[in-house]
Amino acid sequence: MAPDAPRVAPRRDRSAAVKDAIRAAARRQFTAKGFDATGIREIAAEAEVNPAIVIRHFGSKESLFIETVDGGTAWRALLDGPIDDVGERAVRRIVEGRRSGLQTFGAIMRASGRPEIRERLRQSTTSFFAEPLVARVDAPDARLRAHLFAAQLTGLMTALAVYDDEVLLDAPVDDIVARYGPSLQAMLTGP
């Protein structure tokens, strides 16, 4: 090769860059518009690729959604903190993110009519919210308590991110935390 010839990235590097661009575009599109309102063509256009490339790399819109829409990393860190106030910390985190931080959850919930996405939602809820707490709850019914905690937590998230409960969206953060946090905490450490 001549010393001044342009270097071409190896095929594997180009392929990884294309997949990364598609993932980023899909994450933005799905979060902003939801599963049903997002099309492969829009994702491809934002990623600057042909729609066939999206399908070749990810197989289907559902697979791309499952691979790109995930909000669990931040929750793991939150639930790793002290068990004695995890209810209030979780409620505060949800309510403070009620306008922007719950978009991913809302997108997943609205798409949960599809079996593979519903299964991913079930797995995520269990692995992000319930199971990390089971070993930390000092009670004979720890698994039940942790799953009730997850159900109550996702109920609040649904009210804020799916059906936009105006009272909750407009209420002061501290008021919601003061009322809902202890209720959620009781699931884990109450009698």
C-alpha atoms as a PDB file:
ATOM      1  CA  MET A   1       0.000   0.000   0.000  1.00  0.00           C
ATOM      2  CA  ALA A   2       1.319   3.468  -0.889  1.00  0.00           C
ATOM      3  CA  PRO A   3       2.318   5.627   2.110  1.00  0.00           C
ATOM      4  CA  ASP A   4      -0.242   8.340   1.312  1.00  0.00           C
ATOM      5  CA  ALA A   5      -3.155   6.004   0.442  1.00  0.00           C
ATOM      6  CA  PRO A   6      -6.221   6.445   2.648  1.00  0.00           C
ATOM      7  CA  ARG A   7      -6.596   3.848   5.359  1.00  0.00           C
ATOM      8  CA  VAL A   8      -9.843   1.928   5.399  1.00  0.00           C
ATOM      9  CA  ALA A   9     -11.099   0.692   8.734  1.00  0.00           C
ATOM     10  CA  PRO A  10     -11.271  -3.075   8.958  1.00  0.00           C
ATOM     11  CA  ARG A  11     -14.713  -4.535   8.231  1.00  0.00           C
ATOM     12  CA  ARG A  12     -15.243  -5.541  11.867  1.00  0.00           C
ATOM     13  CA  ASP A  13     -14.570  -1.981  13.101  1.00  0.00           C
ATOM     14  CA  ARG A  14     -16.980  -0.503  10.541  1.00  0.00           C
ATOM     15  CA  SER A  15     -19.627  -3.056  11.454  1.00  0.00           C
ATOM     16  CA  ALA A  16     -19.289  -2.278  15.177  1.00  0.00           C
ATOM     17  CA  ALA A  17     -19.523   1.457  14.477  1.00  0.00           C
ATOM     18  CA  VAL A  18     -22.661   0.943  12.382  1.00  0.00           C
ATOM     19  CA  LYS A  19     -24.270  -1.184  15.110  1.00  0.00           C
ATOM     20  CA  ASP A  20     -23.395   1.436  17.725  1.00  0.00           C
ATOM     21  CA  ALA A  21     -24.969   4.177  15.590  1.00  0.00           C
ATOM     22  CA  ILE A  22     -28.113   2.087  15.120  1.00  0.00           C
ATOM     23  CA  ARG A  23     -28.341   1.343  18.859  1.00  0.00           C
ATOM     24  CA  ALA A  24     -27.959   5.024  19.745  1.00  0.00           C
ATOM     25  CA  ALA A  25     -30.591   6.091  17.210  1.00  0.00           C
ATOM     26  CA  ALA A  26     -32.972   3.341  18.349  1.00  0.00           C
ATOM     27  CA  ARG A  27     -32.562   4.272  22.009  1.00  0.00           C
ATOM     28  CA  ARG A  28     -33.381   7.917  21.236  1.00  0.00           C
ATOM     29  CA  GLN A  29     -36.322   7.073  18.965  1.00  0.00           C
ATOM     30  CA  PHE A  30     -37.888   4.434  21.222  1.00  0.00           C
ATOM     31  CA  THR A  31     -37.510   6.582  24.317  1.00  0.00           C
ATOM     32  CA  ALA A  32     -38.932   9.689  22.671  1.00  0.00           C
ATOM     33  CA  LYS A  33     -41.765   8.150  20.644  1.00  0.00           C
ATOM     34  CA  GLY A  34     -42.353   4.679  22.052  1.00  0.00           C
ATOM     35  CA  PHE A  35     -42.229   1.317  20.352  1.00  0.00           C
ATOM     36  CA  ASP A  36     -45.300   1.538  18.126  1.00  0.00           C
ATOM     37  CA  ALA A  37     -44.602   5.044  16.802  1.00  0.00           C
ATOM     38  CA  THR A  38     -40.979   4.266  15.967  1.00  0.00           C
ATOM     39  CA  GLY A  39     -40.179   2.706  12.633  1.00  0.00           C
ATOM     40  CA  ILE A  40     -37.100   0.957  11.351  1.00  0.00           C
ATOM     41  CA  ARG A  41     -36.880   3.573   8.579  1.00  0.00           C
ATOM     42  CA  GLU A  42     -36.666   6.426  11.122  1.00  0.00           C
ATOM     43  CA  ILE A  43     -33.990   4.618  13.103  1.00  0.00           C
ATOM     44  CA  ALA A  44     -32.041   3.880   9.931  1.00  0.00           C
ATOM     45  CA  ALA A  45     -32.339   7.483   8.753  1.00  0.00           C
ATOM     46  CA  GLU A  46     -31.011   8.827  12.052  1.00  0.00           C
ATOM     47  CA  ALA A  47     -28.174   6.275  12.018  1.00  0.00           C
ATOM     48  CA  GLU A  48     -27.532   7.116   8.340  1.00  0.00           C
ATOM     49  CA  VAL A  49     -27.836   3.525   7.148  1.00  0.00           C
ATOM     50  CA  ASN A  50     -30.170   1.560   4.918  1.00  0.00           C
ATOM     51  CA  PRO A  51     -33.137   0.002   6.805  1.00  0.00           C
ATOM     52  CA  ALA A  52     -32.025  -3.434   5.568  1.00  0.00           C
ATOM     53  CA  ILE A  53     -28.788  -2.976   7.526  1.00  0.00           C
ATOM     54  CA  VAL A  54     -30.809  -2.493  10.739  1.00  0.00           C
ATOM     55  CA  ILE A  55     -32.664  -5.759  10.160  1.00  0.00           C
ATOM     56  CA  ARG A  56     -29.473  -7.579   9.149  1.00  0.00           C
ATOM     57  CA  HIS A  57     -27.745  -6.603  12.395  1.00  0.00           C
ATOM     58  CA  PHE A  58     -30.680  -6.930  14.814  1.00  0.00           C
ATOM     59  CA  GLY A  59     -33.215  -9.241  13.152  1.00  0.00           C
ATOM     60  CA  SER A  60     -36.381  -7.347  14.072  1.00  0.00           C
ATOM     61  CA  LYS A  61     -37.688  -4.154  15.609  1.00  0.00           C
ATOM     62  CA  GLU A  62     -38.576  -6.107  18.765  1.00  0.00           C
ATOM     63  CA  SER A  63     -35.024  -7.443  19.135  1.00  0.00           C
ATOM     64  CA  LEU A  64     -33.575  -3.988  18.614  1.00  0.00           C
ATOM     65  CA  PHE A  65     -35.948  -2.559  21.227  1.00  0.00           C
ATOM     66  CA  ILE A  66     -35.033  -5.235  23.771  1.00  0.00           C
ATOM     67  CA  GLU A  67     -31.325  -4.711  23.176  1.00  0.00           C
ATOM     68  CA  THR A  68     -31.363  -0.918  23.375  1.00  0.00           C
ATOM     69  CA  VAL A  69     -33.975   0.075  25.948  1.00  0.00           C
ATOM     70  CA  ASP A  70     -32.649  -0.741  29.418  1.00  0.00           C
ATOM     71  CA  GLY A  71     -32.680   1.316  32.575  1.00  0.00           C
ATOM     72  CA  GLY A  72     -31.284  -1.112  35.125  1.00  0.00           C
ATOM     73  CA  THR A  73     -27.759   0.103  35.811  1.00  0.00           C
ATOM     74  CA  ALA A  74     -28.766   3.120  37.884  1.00  0.00           C
ATOM     75  CA  TRP A  75     -31.307   1.053  39.835  1.00  0.00           C
ATOM     76  CA  ARG A  76     -28.711  -1.491  40.861  1.00  0.00           C
ATOM     77  CA  ALA A  77     -26.621   1.263  42.446  1.00  0.00           C
ATOM     78  CA  LEU A  78     -29.627   2.749  44.239  1.00  0.00           C
ATOM     79  CA  LEU A  79     -30.765  -0.558  45.707  1.00  0.00           C
ATOM     80  CA  ASP A  80     -27.244  -1.412  46.860  1.00  0.00           C
ATOM     81  CA  GLY A  81     -27.426   1.383  49.465  1.00  0.00           C
ATOM     82  CA  PRO A  82     -28.666   0.967  53.047  1.00  0.00           C
ATOM     83  CA  ILE A  83     -31.788  -1.190  53.288  1.00  0.00           C
ATOM     84  CA  ASP A  84     -33.282   0.963  56.056  1.00  0.00           C
ATOM     85  CA  ASP A  85     -34.169   3.860  53.754  1.00  0.00           C
ATOM     86  CA  VAL A  86     -34.304   2.289  50.312  1.00  0.00           C
ATOM     87  CA  GLY A  87     -38.054   2.993  50.055  1.00  0.00           C
ATOM     88  CA  GLU A  88     -37.678   6.750  50.400  1.00  0.00           C
ATOM     89  CA  ARG A  89     -34.570   6.846  48.199  1.00  0.00           C
ATOM     90  CA  ALA A  90     -36.333   4.890  45.448  1.00  0.00           C
ATOM     91  CA  VAL A  91     -39.444   7.085  45.592  1.00  0.00           C
ATOM     92  CA  ARG A  92     -37.336  10.259  45.503  1.00  0.00           C
ATOM     93  CA  ARG A  93     -35.371   8.959  42.519  1.00  0.00           C
ATOM     94  CA  ILE A  94     -38.562   8.115  40.609  1.00  0.00           C
ATOM     95  CA  VAL A  95     -40.383  11.334  41.406  1.00  0.00           C
ATOM     96  CA  GLU A  96     -37.391  13.556  40.646  1.00  0.00           C
ATOM     97  CA  GLY A  97     -37.131  11.847  37.246  1.00  0.00           C
ATOM     98  CA  ARG A  98     -40.861  12.024  36.561  1.00  0.00           C
ATOM     99  CA  ARG A  99     -40.543  14.424  33.646  1.00  0.00           C
ATOM    100  CA  SER A 100     -37.552  12.945  31.865  1.00  0.00           C
ATOM    101  CA  GLY A 101     -35.966  10.047  33.704  1.00  0.00           C
ATOM    102  CA  LEU A 102     -38.847   7.619  33.236  1.00  0.00           C
ATOM    103  CA  GLN A 103     -39.025   7.746  29.448  1.00  0.00           C
ATOM    104  CA  THR A 104     -37.340   4.383  29.036  1.00  0.00           C
ATOM    105  CA  PHE A 105     -39.693   2.706  31.506  1.00  0.00           C
ATOM    106  CA  GLY A 106     -42.698   4.280  29.786  1.00  0.00           C
ATOM    107  CA  ALA A 107     -41.509   3.052  26.386  1.00  0.00           C
ATOM    108  CA  ILE A 108     -41.115  -0.489  27.704  1.00  0.00           C
ATOM    109  CA  MET A 109     -44.522  -0.476  29.418  1.00  0.00           C
ATOM    110  CA  ARG A 110     -46.322   0.803  26.328  1.00  0.00           C
ATOM    111  CA  ALA A 111     -44.697  -1.926  24.217  1.00  0.00           C
ATOM    112  CA  SER A 112     -45.361  -4.715  26.718  1.00  0.00           C
ATOM    113  CA  GLY A 113     -48.268  -6.118  24.694  1.00  0.00           C
ATOM    114  CA  ARG A 114     -45.693  -7.956  22.626  1.00  0.00           C
ATOM    115  CA  PRO A 115     -44.750 -11.286  24.246  1.00  0.00           C
ATOM    116  CA  GLU A 116     -40.966 -10.923  23.949  1.00  0.00           C
ATOM    117  CA  ILE A 117     -41.040  -7.401  25.377  1.00  0.00           C
ATOM    118  CA  ARG A 118     -43.433  -8.419  28.172  1.00  0.00           C
ATOM    119  CA  GLU A 119     -41.010 -11.236  29.068  1.00  0.00           C
ATOM    120  CA  ARG A 120     -38.118  -8.767  29.094  1.00  0.00           C
ATOM    121  CA  LEU A 121     -40.170  -6.466  31.356  1.00  0.00           C
ATOM    122  CA  ARG A 122     -40.871  -9.352  33.739  1.00  0.00           C
ATOM    123  CA  GLN A 123     -37.202 -10.355  33.808  1.00  0.00           C
ATOM    124  CA  SER A 124     -36.032  -6.774  34.255  1.00  0.00           C
ATOM    125  CA  THR A 125     -38.467  -5.999  37.054  1.00  0.00           C
ATOM    126  CA  THR A 126     -37.461  -9.151  38.859  1.00  0.00           C
ATOM    127  CA  SER A 127     -33.717  -8.768  38.342  1.00  0.00           C
ATOM    128  CA  PHE A 128     -33.499  -4.984  38.875  1.00  0.00           C
ATOM    129  CA  PHE A 129     -35.999  -4.361  41.664  1.00  0.00           C
ATOM    130  CA  ALA A 130     -36.917  -7.574  43.490  1.00  0.00           C
ATOM    131  CA  GLU A 131     -34.138 -10.160  43.537  1.00  0.00           C
ATOM    132  CA  PRO A 132     -31.315  -7.804  44.618  1.00  0.00           C
ATOM    133  CA  LEU A 133     -33.289  -7.174  47.812  1.00  0.00           C
ATOM    134  CA  VAL A 134     -34.230 -10.755  48.728  1.00  0.00           C
ATOM    135  CA  ALA A 135     -30.962 -11.581  50.521  1.00  0.00           C
ATOM    136  CA  ARG A 136     -30.967  -8.215  52.278  1.00  0.00           C
ATOM    137  CA  VAL A 137     -34.456  -8.446  53.772  1.00  0.00           C
ATOM    138  CA  ASP A 138     -34.331 -10.012  57.227  1.00  0.00           C
ATOM    139  CA  ALA A 139     -37.672 -11.800  57.244  1.00  0.00           C
ATOM    140  CA  PRO A 140     -38.869 -15.346  56.500  1.00  0.00           C
ATOM    141  CA  ASP A 141     -41.003 -14.005  53.634  1.00  0.00           C
ATOM    142  CA  ALA A 142     -38.163 -11.982  52.085  1.00  0.00           C
ATOM    143  CA  ARG A 143     -38.893 -13.030  48.487  1.00  0.00           C
ATOM    144  CA  LEU A 144     -42.580 -12.065  48.780  1.00  0.00           C
ATOM    145  CA  ARG A 145     -41.670  -8.726  50.382  1.00  0.00           C
ATOM    146  CA  ALA A 146     -39.117  -7.924  47.674  1.00  0.00           C
ATOM    147  CA  HIS A 147     -41.592  -8.709  44.897  1.00  0.00           C
ATOM    148  CA  LEU A 148     -44.318  -6.633  46.567  1.00  0.00           C
ATOM    149  CA  PHE A 149     -41.777  -3.792  46.809  1.00  0.00           C
ATOM    150  CA  ALA A 150     -41.116  -4.137  43.059  1.00  0.00           C
ATOM    151  CA  ALA A 151     -44.844  -4.180  42.284  1.00  0.00           C
ATOM    152  CA  GLN A 152     -45.500  -1.077  44.354  1.00  0.00           C
ATOM    153  CA  LEU A 153     -42.483   0.708  42.883  1.00  0.00           C
ATOM    154  CA  THR A 154     -43.450  -0.045  39.291  1.00  0.00           C
ATOM    155  CA  GLY A 155     -47.004   1.064  40.070  1.00  0.00           C
ATOM    156  CA  LEU A 156     -45.730   4.540  40.915  1.00  0.00           C
ATOM    157  CA  MET A 157     -43.551   4.535  37.808  1.00  0.00           C
ATOM    158  CA  THR A 158     -46.546   3.543  35.680  1.00  0.00           C
ATOM    159  CA  ALA A 159     -48.658   6.382  37.101  1.00  0.00           C
ATOM    160  CA  LEU A 160     -45.928   8.873  36.208  1.00  0.00           C
ATOM    161  CA  ALA A 161     -44.644   7.491  32.903  1.00  0.00           C
ATOM    162  CA  VAL A 162     -47.536   5.682  31.252  1.00  0.00           C
ATOM    163  CA  TYR A 163     -50.820   7.324  32.132  1.00  0.00           C
ATOM    164  CA  ASP A 164     -49.391  10.679  33.309  1.00  0.00           C
ATOM    165  CA  ASP A 165     -51.258  11.114  36.599  1.00  0.00           C
ATOM    166  CA  GLU A 166     -51.473  14.928  36.708  1.00  0.00           C
ATOM    167  CA  VAL A 167     -51.821  15.087  40.494  1.00  0.00           C
ATOM    168  CA  LEU A 168     -48.602  13.116  40.941  1.00  0.00           C
ATOM    169  CA  LEU A 169     -46.818  14.988  38.172  1.00  0.00           C
ATOM    170  CA  ASP A 170     -47.640  18.337  39.811  1.00  0.00           C
ATOM    171  CA  ALA A 171     -47.224  17.398  43.504  1.00  0.00           C
ATOM    172  CA  PRO A 172     -44.099  18.518  45.380  1.00  0.00           C
ATOM    173  CA  VAL A 173     -41.400  15.834  45.461  1.00  0.00           C
ATOM    174  CA  ASP A 174     -41.059  15.972  49.257  1.00  0.00           C
ATOM    175  CA  ASP A 175     -44.801  15.410  49.737  1.00  0.00           C
ATOM    176  CA  ILE A 176     -44.802  12.271  47.622  1.00  0.00           C
ATOM    177  CA  VAL A 177     -41.630  10.954  49.269  1.00  0.00           C
ATOM    178  CA  ALA A 178     -43.059  11.588  52.755  1.00  0.00           C
ATOM    179  CA  ARG A 179     -46.262   9.681  51.987  1.00  0.00           C
ATOM    180  CA  TYR A 180     -45.196   6.916  49.608  1.00  0.00           C
ATOM    181  CA  GLY A 181     -41.644   6.231  50.836  1.00  0.00           C
ATOM    182  CA  PRO A 182     -42.649   4.795  54.243  1.00  0.00           C
ATOM    183  CA  SER A 183     -45.315   2.636  52.596  1.00  0.00           C
ATOM    184  CA  LEU A 184     -42.760   1.215  50.200  1.00  0.00           C
ATOM    185  CA  GLN A 185     -40.207   0.797  52.984  1.00  0.00           C
ATOM    186  CA  ALA A 186     -42.723  -1.155  55.085  1.00  0.00           C
ATOM    187  CA  MET A 187     -42.759  -3.828  52.386  1.00  0.00           C
ATOM    188  CA  LEU A 188     -39.116  -4.551  53.155  1.00  0.00           C
ATOM    189  CA  THR A 189     -38.506  -3.803  56.811  1.00  0.00           C
ATOM    190  CA  GLY A 190     -41.955  -3.422  58.401  1.00  0.00           C
ATOM    191  CA  PRO A 191     -43.721  -5.968  60.588  1.00  0.00           C
END
